[in-house]
Amino acid sequence: ERTRDAYRFAADVKPGERGLIEVAEERQLAQQIALSNLREDA
């Protein structure tokens, strides 16, 4: 489930054992550059 400021992930862990929750997130970031100011090597 998700609240306004947090995700909630559930894991059932037996006595004496270990559990693992791996969270992966991505973000798309757009950047604008003037071609007239961009060097040839860039």
PDB file of all heavy atoms in Angstrom:
ATOM      1  N   GLU A   1       0.854  -1.179   0.000  1.00  0.00           N
ATOM      2  CA  GLU A   1       0.000   0.000   0.000  1.00  0.00           C
ATOM      3  C   GLU A   1       0.893   1.233   0.000  1.00  0.00           C
ATOM      4  O   GLU A   1       2.107   1.141   0.209  1.00  0.00           O
ATOM      5  CB  GLU A   1      -0.951   0.014   1.211  1.00  0.00           C
ATOM      6  CG  GLU A   1      -0.252  -0.041   2.552  1.00  0.00           C
ATOM      7  CD  GLU A   1      -1.227  -0.255   3.699  1.00  0.00           C
ATOM      8  OE1 GLU A   1      -2.293  -0.823   3.461  1.00  0.00           O
ATOM      9  OE2 GLU A   1      -0.893   0.152   4.831  1.00  0.00           O
ATOM     10  N   ARG A   2       0.281   2.395  -0.238  1.00  0.00           N
ATOM     11  CA  ARG A   2       1.031   3.647  -0.243  1.00  0.00           C
ATOM     12  C   ARG A   2       0.252   4.726   0.485  1.00  0.00           C
ATOM     13  O   ARG A   2      -0.961   4.861   0.309  1.00  0.00           O
ATOM     14  CB  ARG A   2       1.310   4.110  -1.678  1.00  0.00           C
ATOM     15  CG  ARG A   2       2.119   5.409  -1.732  1.00  0.00           C
ATOM     16  CD  ARG A   2       2.381   5.852  -3.155  1.00  0.00           C
ATOM     17  NE  ARG A   2       1.186   6.329  -3.838  1.00  0.00           N
ATOM     18  CZ  ARG A   2       0.686   7.558  -3.694  1.00  0.00           C
ATOM     19  NH1 ARG A   2       1.242   8.413  -2.861  1.00  0.00           N
ATOM     20  NH2 ARG A   2      -0.389   7.910  -4.373  1.00  0.00           N
ATOM     21  N   THR A   3       0.951   5.481   1.318  1.00  0.00           N
ATOM     22  CA  THR A   3       0.373   6.646   1.971  1.00  0.00           C
ATOM     23  C   THR A   3       0.811   7.885   1.205  1.00  0.00           C
ATOM     24  O   THR A   3       1.402   7.800   0.131  1.00  0.00           O
ATOM     25  CB  THR A   3       0.828   6.728   3.436  1.00  0.00           C
ATOM     26  OG1 THR A   3       2.241   6.981   3.485  1.00  0.00           O
ATOM     27  CG2 THR A   3       0.532   5.421   4.161  1.00  0.00           C
ATOM     28  N   ARG A   4       0.550   9.045   1.768  1.00  0.00           N
ATOM     29  CA  ARG A   4       0.934  10.275   1.083  1.00  0.00           C
ATOM     30  C   ARG A   4       2.447  10.442   0.988  1.00  0.00           C
ATOM     31  O   ARG A   4       2.947  11.081   0.064  1.00  0.00           O
ATOM     32  CB  ARG A   4       0.343  11.492   1.804  1.00  0.00           C
ATOM     33  CG  ARG A   4      -1.161  11.600   1.675  1.00  0.00           C
ATOM     34  CD  ARG A   4      -1.678  12.868   2.324  1.00  0.00           C
ATOM     35  NE  ARG A   4      -3.122  12.959   2.208  1.00  0.00           N
ATOM     36  CZ  ARG A   4      -3.760  13.474   1.176  1.00  0.00           C
ATOM     37  NH1 ARG A   4      -3.063  13.945   0.155  1.00  0.00           N
ATOM     38  NH2 ARG A   4      -5.072  13.527   1.139  1.00  0.00           N
ATOM     39  N   ASP A   5       3.190   9.884   1.941  1.00  0.00           N
ATOM     40  CA  ASP A   5       4.631  10.110   1.951  1.00  0.00           C
ATOM     41  C   ASP A   5       5.457   8.831   2.048  1.00  0.00           C
ATOM     42  O   ASP A   5       6.668   8.901   2.251  1.00  0.00           O
ATOM     43  CB  ASP A   5       5.014  11.037   3.112  1.00  0.00           C
ATOM     44  CG  ASP A   5       4.652  10.452   4.469  1.00  0.00           C
ATOM     45  OD1 ASP A   5       4.005   9.394   4.509  1.00  0.00           O
ATOM     46  OD2 ASP A   5       5.035  11.060   5.487  1.00  0.00           O
ATOM     47  N   ALA A   6       4.849   7.663   1.900  1.00  0.00           N
ATOM     48  CA  ALA A   6       5.627   6.431   2.045  1.00  0.00           C
ATOM     49  C   ALA A   6       4.965   5.265   1.325  1.00  0.00           C
ATOM     50  O   ALA A   6       3.736   5.180   1.235  1.00  0.00           O
ATOM     51  CB  ALA A   6       5.819   6.090   3.522  1.00  0.00           C
ATOM     52  N   TYR A   7       5.834   4.370   0.786  1.00  0.00           N
ATOM     53  CA  TYR A   7       5.385   3.051   0.343  1.00  0.00           C
ATOM     54  C   TYR A   7       5.451   2.106   1.542  1.00  0.00           C
ATOM     55  O   TYR A   7       6.270   2.294   2.445  1.00  0.00           O
ATOM     56  CB  TYR A   7       6.293   2.491  -0.750  1.00  0.00           C
ATOM     57  CG  TYR A   7       6.227   3.216  -2.074  1.00  0.00           C
ATOM     58  CD1 TYR A   7       7.284   4.014  -2.500  1.00  0.00           C
ATOM     59  CD2 TYR A   7       5.134   3.085  -2.922  1.00  0.00           C
ATOM     60  CE1 TYR A   7       7.251   4.666  -3.726  1.00  0.00           C
ATOM     61  CE2 TYR A   7       5.089   3.737  -4.154  1.00  0.00           C
ATOM     62  CZ  TYR A   7       6.149   4.533  -4.540  1.00  0.00           C
ATOM     63  OH  TYR A   7       6.109   5.171  -5.744  1.00  0.00           O
ATOM     64  N   ARG A   8       4.635   1.067   1.522  1.00  0.00           N
ATOM     65  CA  ARG A   8       4.712   0.019   2.535  1.00  0.00           C
ATOM     66  C   ARG A   8       4.906  -1.322   1.843  1.00  0.00           C
ATOM     67  O   ARG A   8       4.087  -1.721   1.005  1.00  0.00           O
ATOM     68  CB  ARG A   8       3.443   0.002   3.397  1.00  0.00           C
ATOM     69  CG  ARG A   8       3.382   1.169   4.383  1.00  0.00           C
ATOM     70  CD  ARG A   8       2.123   1.150   5.215  1.00  0.00           C
ATOM     71  NE  ARG A   8       2.056   2.330   6.089  1.00  0.00           N
ATOM     72  CZ  ARG A   8       0.924   2.883   6.495  1.00  0.00           C
ATOM     73  NH1 ARG A   8      -0.233   2.361   6.128  1.00  0.00           N
ATOM     74  NH2 ARG A   8       0.943   3.941   7.289  1.00  0.00           N
ATOM     75  N   PHE A   9       6.013  -1.982   2.201  1.00  0.00           N
ATOM     76  CA  PHE A   9       6.326  -3.294   1.658  1.00  0.00           C
ATOM     77  C   PHE A   9       6.256  -4.316   2.793  1.00  0.00           C
ATOM     78  O   PHE A   9       6.701  -4.038   3.911  1.00  0.00           O
ATOM     79  CB  PHE A   9       7.725  -3.306   1.035  1.00  0.00           C
ATOM     80  CG  PHE A   9       7.912  -2.261  -0.034  1.00  0.00           C
ATOM     81  CD1 PHE A   9       8.555  -1.062   0.244  1.00  0.00           C
ATOM     82  CD2 PHE A   9       7.439  -2.470  -1.313  1.00  0.00           C
ATOM     83  CE1 PHE A   9       8.731  -0.097  -0.730  1.00  0.00           C
ATOM     84  CE2 PHE A   9       7.601  -1.520  -2.308  1.00  0.00           C
ATOM     85  CZ  PHE A   9       8.250  -0.329  -2.019  1.00  0.00           C
ATOM     86  N   ALA A  10       5.700  -5.489   2.504  1.00  0.00           N
ATOM     87  CA  ALA A  10       5.489  -6.509   3.527  1.00  0.00           C
ATOM     88  C   ALA A  10       6.408  -7.697   3.274  1.00  0.00           C
ATOM     89  O   ALA A  10       6.668  -8.081   2.128  1.00  0.00           O
ATOM     90  CB  ALA A  10       4.032  -6.965   3.541  1.00  0.00           C
ATOM     91  N   ALA A  11       6.907  -8.273   4.371  1.00  0.00           N
ATOM     92  CA  ALA A  11       7.733  -9.483   4.300  1.00  0.00           C
ATOM     93  C   ALA A  11       7.416 -10.341   5.512  1.00  0.00           C
ATOM     94  O   ALA A  11       7.378  -9.845   6.647  1.00  0.00           O
ATOM     95  CB  ALA A  11       9.220  -9.130   4.262  1.00  0.00           C
ATOM     96  N   ASP A  12       7.172 -11.636   5.288  1.00  0.00           N
ATOM     97  CA  ASP A  12       6.946 -12.600   6.360  1.00  0.00           C
ATOM     98  C   ASP A  12       8.267 -13.322   6.645  1.00  0.00           C
ATOM     99  O   ASP A  12       8.827 -13.965   5.750  1.00  0.00           O
ATOM    100  CB  ASP A  12       5.863 -13.601   5.963  1.00  0.00           C
ATOM    101  CG  ASP A  12       4.504 -12.929   5.787  1.00  0.00           C
ATOM    102  OD1 ASP A  12       4.141 -12.113   6.643  1.00  0.00           O
ATOM    103  OD2 ASP A  12       3.824 -13.215   4.786  1.00  0.00           O
ATOM    104  N   VAL A  13       8.753 -13.197   7.890  1.00  0.00           N
ATOM    105  CA  VAL A  13      10.050 -13.762   8.258  1.00  0.00           C
ATOM    106  C   VAL A  13       9.837 -14.768   9.390  1.00  0.00           C
ATOM    107  O   VAL A  13       9.289 -14.422  10.445  1.00  0.00           O
ATOM    108  CB  VAL A  13      11.032 -12.660   8.704  1.00  0.00           C
ATOM    109  CG1 VAL A  13      12.422 -13.258   8.954  1.00  0.00           C
ATOM    110  CG2 VAL A  13      11.107 -11.554   7.657  1.00  0.00           C
ATOM    111  N   LYS A  14      10.274 -15.992   9.173  1.00  0.00           N
ATOM    112  CA  LYS A  14      10.134 -17.041  10.169  1.00  0.00           C
ATOM    113  C   LYS A  14      11.177 -16.879  11.276  1.00  0.00           C
ATOM    114  O   LYS A  14      12.189 -16.208  11.076  1.00  0.00           O
ATOM    115  CB  LYS A  14      10.258 -18.413   9.510  1.00  0.00           C
ATOM    116  CG  LYS A  14       9.150 -18.714   8.514  1.00  0.00           C
ATOM    117  CD  LYS A  14       9.339 -20.092   7.892  1.00  0.00           C
ATOM    118  CE  LYS A  14       8.230 -20.404   6.892  1.00  0.00           C
ATOM    119  NZ  LYS A  14       8.400 -21.734   6.266  1.00  0.00           N
ATOM    120  N   PRO A  15      10.959 -17.531  12.436  1.00  0.00           N
ATOM    121  CA  PRO A  15      11.922 -17.407  13.536  1.00  0.00           C
ATOM    122  C   PRO A  15      13.309 -17.897  13.123  1.00  0.00           C
ATOM    123  O   PRO A  15      13.460 -18.945  12.497  1.00  0.00           O
ATOM    124  CB  PRO A  15      11.321 -18.303  14.627  1.00  0.00           C
ATOM    125  CG  PRO A  15       9.877 -18.415  14.286  1.00  0.00           C
ATOM    126  CD  PRO A  15       9.783 -18.327  12.803  1.00  0.00           C
ATOM    127  N   GLY A  16      14.328 -17.099  13.464  1.00  0.00           N
ATOM    128  CA  GLY A  16      15.707 -17.452  13.174  1.00  0.00           C
ATOM    129  C   GLY A  16      16.112 -17.320  11.727  1.00  0.00           C
ATOM    130  O   GLY A  16      17.238 -17.688  11.370  1.00  0.00           O
ATOM    131  N   GLU A  17      15.242 -16.793  10.873  1.00  0.00           N
ATOM    132  CA  GLU A  17      15.567 -16.675   9.456  1.00  0.00           C
ATOM    133  C   GLU A  17      15.700 -15.206   9.060  1.00  0.00           C
ATOM    134  O   GLU A  17      15.471 -14.306   9.854  1.00  0.00           O
ATOM    135  CB  GLU A  17      14.496 -17.364   8.607  1.00  0.00           C
ATOM    136  CG  GLU A  17      14.427 -18.874   8.822  1.00  0.00           C
ATOM    137  CD  GLU A  17      13.472 -19.544   7.844  1.00  0.00           C
ATOM    138  OE1 GLU A  17      12.899 -18.818   7.001  1.00  0.00           O
ATOM    139  OE2 GLU A  17      13.317 -20.773   7.922  1.00  0.00           O
ATOM    140  N   ARG A  18      16.093 -15.024   7.797  1.00  0.00           N
ATOM    141  CA  ARG A  18      16.303 -13.681   7.266  1.00  0.00           C
ATOM    142  C   ARG A  18      15.328 -13.413   6.121  1.00  0.00           C
ATOM    143  O   ARG A  18      14.873 -14.337   5.453  1.00  0.00           O
ATOM    144  CB  ARG A  18      17.740 -13.508   6.755  1.00  0.00           C
ATOM    145  CG  ARG A  18      18.819 -13.667   7.818  1.00  0.00           C
ATOM    146  CD  ARG A  18      20.202 -13.620   7.193  1.00  0.00           C
ATOM    147  NE  ARG A  18      21.251 -13.838   8.172  1.00  0.00           N
ATOM    148  CZ  ARG A  18      21.889 -12.874   8.825  1.00  0.00           C
ATOM    149  NH1 ARG A  18      21.560 -11.616   8.591  1.00  0.00           N
ATOM    150  NH2 ARG A  18      22.840 -13.149   9.697  1.00  0.00           N
ATOM    151  N   GLY A  19      15.055 -12.157   5.924  1.00  0.00           N
ATOM    152  CA  GLY A  19      14.228 -11.720   4.807  1.00  0.00           C
ATOM    153  C   GLY A  19      14.896 -10.559   4.096  1.00  0.00           C
ATOM    154  O   GLY A  19      15.796  -9.904   4.643  1.00  0.00           O
ATOM    155  N   LEU A  20      14.469 -10.302   2.878  1.00  0.00           N
ATOM    156  CA  LEU A  20      15.081  -9.236   2.085  1.00  0.00           C
ATOM    157  C   LEU A  20      14.009  -8.556   1.242  1.00  0.00           C
ATOM    158  O   LEU A  20      13.205  -9.216   0.577  1.00  0.00           O
ATOM    159  CB  LEU A  20      16.175  -9.795   1.177  1.00  0.00           C
ATOM    160  CG  LEU A  20      16.909  -8.794   0.281  1.00  0.00           C
ATOM    161  CD1 LEU A  20      17.693  -7.795   1.127  1.00  0.00           C
ATOM    162  CD2 LEU A  20      17.831  -9.504  -0.689  1.00  0.00           C
ATOM    163  N   ILE A  21      14.003  -7.228   1.285  1.00  0.00           N
ATOM    164  CA  ILE A  21      13.139  -6.415   0.432  1.00  0.00           C
ATOM    165  C   ILE A  21      14.051  -5.483  -0.359  1.00  0.00           C
ATOM    166  O   ILE A  21      14.768  -4.661   0.224  1.00  0.00           O
ATOM    167  CB  ILE A  21      12.119  -5.599   1.252  1.00  0.00           C
ATOM    168  CG1 ILE A  21      11.154  -6.535   1.990  1.00  0.00           C
ATOM    169  CG2 ILE A  21      11.336  -4.654   0.343  1.00  0.00           C
ATOM    170  CD1 ILE A  21      10.174  -5.809   2.889  1.00  0.00           C
ATOM    171  N   GLU A  22      14.043  -5.611  -1.692  1.00  0.00           N
ATOM    172  CA  GLU A  22      14.870  -4.782  -2.555  1.00  0.00           C
ATOM    173  C   GLU A  22      13.964  -3.821  -3.331  1.00  0.00           C
ATOM    174  O   GLU A  22      13.129  -4.252  -4.118  1.00  0.00           O
ATOM    175  CB  GLU A  22      15.678  -5.649  -3.528  1.00  0.00           C
ATOM    176  CG  GLU A  22      16.738  -6.502  -2.837  1.00  0.00           C
ATOM    177  CD  GLU A  22      17.533  -7.341  -3.808  1.00  0.00           C
ATOM    178  OE1 GLU A  22      16.894  -8.112  -4.568  1.00  0.00           O
ATOM    179  OE2 GLU A  22      18.763  -7.238  -3.806  1.00  0.00           O
ATOM    180  N   VAL A  23      14.161  -2.542  -3.091  1.00  0.00           N
ATOM    181  CA  VAL A  23      13.335  -1.502  -3.709  1.00  0.00           C
ATOM    182  C   VAL A  23      14.155  -0.812  -4.796  1.00  0.00           C
ATOM    183  O   VAL A  23      15.272  -0.351  -4.550  1.00  0.00           O
ATOM    184  CB  VAL A  23      12.867  -0.471  -2.663  1.00  0.00           C
ATOM    185  CG1 VAL A  23      11.968   0.575  -3.317  1.00  0.00           C
ATOM    186  CG2 VAL A  23      12.124  -1.163  -1.528  1.00  0.00           C
ATOM    187  N   ALA A  24      13.612  -0.753  -5.993  1.00  0.00           N
ATOM    188  CA  ALA A  24      14.266  -0.086  -7.120  1.00  0.00           C
ATOM    189  C   ALA A  24      13.334   0.992  -7.660  1.00  0.00           C
ATOM    190  O   ALA A  24      12.148   0.755  -7.863  1.00  0.00           O
ATOM    191  CB  ALA A  24      14.619  -1.082  -8.228  1.00  0.00           C
ATOM    192  N   GLU A  25      13.899   2.189  -7.897  1.00  0.00           N
ATOM    193  CA  GLU A  25      13.133   3.321  -8.407  1.00  0.00           C
ATOM    194  C   GLU A  25      13.919   3.983  -9.534  1.00  0.00           C
ATOM    195  O   GLU A  25      15.146   3.947  -9.553  1.00  0.00           O
ATOM    196  CB  GLU A  25      12.855   4.337  -7.297  1.00  0.00           C
ATOM    197  CG  GLU A  25      12.016   3.807  -6.149  1.00  0.00           C
ATOM    198  CD  GLU A  25      11.950   4.790  -4.992  1.00  0.00           C
ATOM    199  OE1 GLU A  25      12.973   4.921  -4.284  1.00  0.00           O
ATOM    200  OE2 GLU A  25      10.910   5.412  -4.799  1.00  0.00           O
ATOM    201  N   GLU A  26      13.187   4.604 -10.450  1.00  0.00           N
ATOM    202  CA  GLU A  26      13.832   5.333 -11.542  1.00  0.00           C
ATOM    203  C   GLU A  26      13.201   6.711 -11.692  1.00  0.00           C
ATOM    204  O   GLU A  26      12.064   6.950 -11.272  1.00  0.00           O
ATOM    205  CB  GLU A  26      13.720   4.568 -12.856  1.00  0.00           C
ATOM    206  CG  GLU A  26      12.333   4.562 -13.461  1.00  0.00           C
ATOM    207  CD  GLU A  26      12.328   4.035 -14.884  1.00  0.00           C
ATOM    208  OE1 GLU A  26      13.411   3.674 -15.376  1.00  0.00           O
ATOM    209  OE2 GLU A  26      11.236   3.986 -15.489  1.00  0.00           O
ATOM    210  N   ARG A  27      13.990   7.581 -12.314  1.00  0.00           N
ATOM    211  CA  ARG A  27      13.532   8.953 -12.545  1.00  0.00           C
ATOM    212  C   ARG A  27      14.022   9.416 -13.903  1.00  0.00           C
ATOM    213  O   ARG A  27      15.188   9.202 -14.255  1.00  0.00           O
ATOM    214  CB  ARG A  27      14.063   9.884 -11.455  1.00  0.00           C
ATOM    215  CG  ARG A  27      13.675  11.343 -11.610  1.00  0.00           C
ATOM    216  CD  ARG A  27      14.364  12.184 -10.559  1.00  0.00           C
ATOM    217  NE  ARG A  27      14.059  13.599 -10.701  1.00  0.00           N
ATOM    218  CZ  ARG A  27      14.664  14.570 -10.035  1.00  0.00           C
ATOM    219  NH1 ARG A  27      15.601  14.260  -9.153  1.00  0.00           N
ATOM    220  NH2 ARG A  27      14.345  15.825 -10.215  1.00  0.00           N
ATOM    221  N   GLN A  28      13.137  10.004 -14.690  1.00  0.00           N
ATOM    222  CA  GLN A  28      13.498  10.549 -15.993  1.00  0.00           C
ATOM    223  C   GLN A  28      13.816  12.031 -15.824  1.00  0.00           C
ATOM    224  O   GLN A  28      12.987  12.806 -15.330  1.00  0.00           O
ATOM    225  CB  GLN A  28      12.347  10.371 -16.989  1.00  0.00           C
ATOM    226  CG  GLN A  28      11.931   8.925 -17.220  1.00  0.00           C
ATOM    227  CD  GLN A  28      12.915   8.167 -18.087  1.00  0.00           C
ATOM    228  OE1 GLN A  28      13.711   8.755 -18.796  1.00  0.00           O
ATOM    229  NE2 GLN A  28      12.854   6.849 -18.026  1.00  0.00           N
ATOM    230  N   LEU A  29      15.032  12.418 -16.228  1.00  0.00           N
ATOM    231  CA  LEU A  29      15.487  13.794 -16.052  1.00  0.00           C
ATOM    232  C   LEU A  29      15.848  14.375 -17.411  1.00  0.00           C
ATOM    233  O   LEU A  29      16.739  13.860 -18.100  1.00  0.00           O
ATOM    234  CB  LEU A  29      16.700  13.835 -15.108  1.00  0.00           C
ATOM    235  CG  LEU A  29      17.235  15.214 -14.740  1.00  0.00           C
ATOM    236  CD1 LEU A  29      16.169  16.009 -13.976  1.00  0.00           C
ATOM    237  CD2 LEU A  29      18.504  15.106 -13.917  1.00  0.00           C
ATOM    238  N   ALA A  30      15.158  15.437 -17.819  1.00  0.00           N
ATOM    239  CA  ALA A  30      15.411  16.094 -19.103  1.00  0.00           C
ATOM    240  C   ALA A  30      16.312  17.298 -18.900  1.00  0.00           C
ATOM    241  O   ALA A  30      16.146  18.068 -17.947  1.00  0.00           O
ATOM    242  CB  ALA A  30      14.092  16.521 -19.751  1.00  0.00           C
ATOM    243  N   GLN A  31      17.282  17.458 -19.808  1.00  0.00           N
ATOM    244  CA  GLN A  31      18.229  18.567 -19.736  1.00  0.00           C
ATOM    245  C   GLN A  31      18.292  19.252 -21.090  1.00  0.00           C
ATOM    246  O   GLN A  31      18.382  18.592 -22.131  1.00  0.00           O
ATOM    247  CB  GLN A  31      19.617  18.062 -19.331  1.00  0.00           C
ATOM    248  CG  GLN A  31      20.650  19.164 -19.160  1.00  0.00           C
ATOM    249  CD  GLN A  31      22.009  18.605 -18.781  1.00  0.00           C
ATOM    250  OE1 GLN A  31      22.243  17.412 -18.892  1.00  0.00           O
ATOM    251  NE2 GLN A  31      22.899  19.465 -18.337  1.00  0.00           N
ATOM    252  N   GLN A  32      18.250  20.583 -21.091  1.00  0.00           N
ATOM    253  CA  GLN A  32      18.277  21.355 -22.326  1.00  0.00           C
ATOM    254  C   GLN A  32      19.601  22.115 -22.426  1.00  0.00           C
ATOM    255  O   GLN A  32      20.014  22.784 -21.476  1.00  0.00           O
ATOM    256  CB  GLN A  32      17.105  22.337 -22.384  1.00  0.00           C
ATOM    257  CG  GLN A  32      15.740  21.664 -22.381  1.00  0.00           C
ATOM    258  CD  GLN A  32      14.614  22.650 -22.562  1.00  0.00           C
ATOM    259  OE1 GLN A  32      14.835  23.822 -22.824  1.00  0.00           O
ATOM    260  NE2 GLN A  32      13.387  22.176 -22.427  1.00  0.00           N
ATOM    261  N   ILE A  33      20.245  21.995 -23.602  1.00  0.00           N
ATOM    262  CA  ILE A  33      21.524  22.653 -23.830  1.00  0.00           C
ATOM    263  C   ILE A  33      21.464  23.345 -25.186  1.00  0.00           C
ATOM    264  O   ILE A  33      21.020  22.748 -26.184  1.00  0.00           O
ATOM    265  CB  ILE A  33      22.692  21.641 -23.816  1.00  0.00           C
ATOM    266  CG1 ILE A  33      22.660  20.794 -22.555  1.00  0.00           C
ATOM    267  CG2 ILE A  33      24.032  22.356 -23.934  1.00  0.00           C
ATOM    268  CD1 ILE A  33      23.675  19.672 -22.552  1.00  0.00           C
ATOM    269  N   ALA A  34      21.912  24.605 -25.250  1.00  0.00           N
ATOM    270  CA  ALA A  34      21.967  25.325 -26.524  1.00  0.00           C
ATOM    271  C   ALA A  34      23.089  24.732 -27.372  1.00  0.00           C
ATOM    272  O   ALA A  34      24.241  24.652 -26.937  1.00  0.00           O
ATOM    273  CB  ALA A  34      22.190  26.811 -26.287  1.00  0.00           C
ATOM    274  N   LEU A  35      22.765  24.306 -28.597  1.00  0.00           N
ATOM    275  CA  LEU A  35      23.759  23.691 -29.468  1.00  0.00           C
ATOM    276  C   LEU A  35      24.868  24.663 -29.849  1.00  0.00           C
ATOM    277  O   LEU A  35      26.008  24.256 -30.089  1.00  0.00           O
ATOM    278  CB  LEU A  35      23.076  23.162 -30.727  1.00  0.00           C
ATOM    279  CG  LEU A  35      22.270  21.864 -30.538  1.00  0.00           C
ATOM    280  CD1 LEU A  35      21.370  21.613 -31.733  1.00  0.00           C
ATOM    281  CD2 LEU A  35      23.206  20.699 -30.339  1.00  0.00           C
ATOM    282  N   SER A  36      24.543  25.945 -29.882  1.00  0.00           N
ATOM    283  CA  SER A  36      25.569  26.931 -30.229  1.00  0.00           C
ATOM    284  C   SER A  36      26.645  27.024 -29.153  1.00  0.00           C
ATOM    285  O   SER A  36      27.785  27.409 -29.443  1.00  0.00           O
ATOM    286  CB  SER A  36      24.921  28.298 -30.453  1.00  0.00           C
ATOM    287  OG  SER A  36      24.209  28.703 -29.289  1.00  0.00           O
ATOM    288  N   ASN A  37      26.297  26.668 -27.906  1.00  0.00           N
ATOM    289  CA  ASN A  37      27.261  26.723 -26.809  1.00  0.00           C
ATOM    290  C   ASN A  37      27.939  25.382 -26.543  1.00  0.00           C
ATOM    291  O   ASN A  37      28.803  25.295 -25.669  1.00  0.00           O
ATOM    292  CB  ASN A  37      26.572  27.185 -25.523  1.00  0.00           C
ATOM    293  CG  ASN A  37      25.965  28.565 -25.655  1.00  0.00           C
ATOM    294  OD1 ASN A  37      26.462  29.397 -26.424  1.00  0.00           O
ATOM    295  ND2 ASN A  37      24.897  28.828 -24.928  1.00  0.00           N
ATOM    296  N   LEU A  38      27.544  24.345 -27.281  1.00  0.00           N
ATOM    297  CA  LEU A  38      28.064  23.003 -27.034  1.00  0.00           C
ATOM    298  C   LEU A  38      29.321  22.788 -27.877  1.00  0.00           C
ATOM    299  O   LEU A  38      29.323  23.000 -29.092  1.00  0.00           O
ATOM    300  CB  LEU A  38      27.000  21.965 -27.397  1.00  0.00           C
ATOM    301  CG  LEU A  38      27.103  20.590 -26.740  1.00  0.00           C
ATOM    302  CD1 LEU A  38      27.050  20.716 -25.229  1.00  0.00           C
ATOM    303  CD2 LEU A  38      25.983  19.684 -27.226  1.00  0.00           C
ATOM    304  N   ARG A  39      30.392  22.365 -27.215  1.00  0.00           N
ATOM    305  CA  ARG A  39      31.647  22.125 -27.904  1.00  0.00           C
ATOM    306  C   ARG A  39      31.565  20.862 -28.757  1.00  0.00           C
ATOM    307  O   ARG A  39      30.735  19.979 -28.523  1.00  0.00           O
ATOM    308  CB  ARG A  39      32.786  22.008 -26.888  1.00  0.00           C
ATOM    309  CG  ARG A  39      33.044  23.286 -26.112  1.00  0.00           C
ATOM    310  CD  ARG A  39      34.044  23.065 -25.002  1.00  0.00           C
ATOM    311  NE  ARG A  39      35.267  22.395 -25.477  1.00  0.00           N
ATOM    312  CZ  ARG A  39      36.271  22.059 -24.682  1.00  0.00           C
ATOM    313  NH1 ARG A  39      36.191  22.299 -23.374  1.00  0.00           N
ATOM    314  NH2 ARG A  39      37.340  21.472 -25.180  1.00  0.00           N
ATOM    315  N   GLU A  40      32.499  20.804 -29.762  1.00  0.00           N
ATOM    316  CA  GLU A  40      32.477  19.680 -30.682  1.00  0.00           C
ATOM    317  C   GLU A  40      32.719  18.351 -29.966  1.00  0.00           C
ATOM    318  O   GLU A  40      32.089  17.338 -30.283  1.00  0.00           O
ATOM    319  CB  GLU A  40      33.517  19.864 -31.791  1.00  0.00           C
ATOM    320  CG  GLU A  40      33.193  20.973 -32.796  1.00  0.00           C
ATOM    321  CD  GLU A  40      33.647  22.336 -32.308  1.00  0.00           C
ATOM    322  OE1 GLU A  40      34.138  22.408 -31.160  1.00  0.00           O
ATOM    323  OE2 GLU A  40      33.499  23.319 -33.054  1.00  0.00           O
ATOM    324  N   ASP A  41      33.618  18.329 -28.980  1.00  0.00           N
ATOM    325  CA  ASP A  41      33.908  17.076 -28.276  1.00  0.00           C
ATOM    326  C   ASP A  41      32.710  16.604 -27.464  1.00  0.00           C
ATOM    327  O   ASP A  41      32.482  15.398 -27.306  1.00  0.00           O
ATOM    328  CB  ASP A  41      35.142  17.233 -27.389  1.00  0.00           C
ATOM    329  CG  ASP A  41      35.008  18.403 -26.423  1.00  0.00           C
ATOM    330  OD1 ASP A  41      34.045  19.180 -26.566  1.00  0.00           O
ATOM    331  OD2 ASP A  41      35.861  18.538 -25.529  1.00  0.00           O
ATOM    332  N   ALA A  42      31.910  17.556 -26.936  1.00  0.00           N
ATOM    333  CA  ALA A  42      30.701  17.175 -26.202  1.00  0.00           C
ATOM    334  C   ALA A  42      29.648  16.611 -27.157  1.00  0.00           C
ATOM    335  O   ALA A  42      28.927  15.661 -26.824  1.00  0.00           O
ATOM    336  CB  ALA A  42      30.136  18.371 -25.439  1.00  0.00           C
TER     337      ALA A  42
END
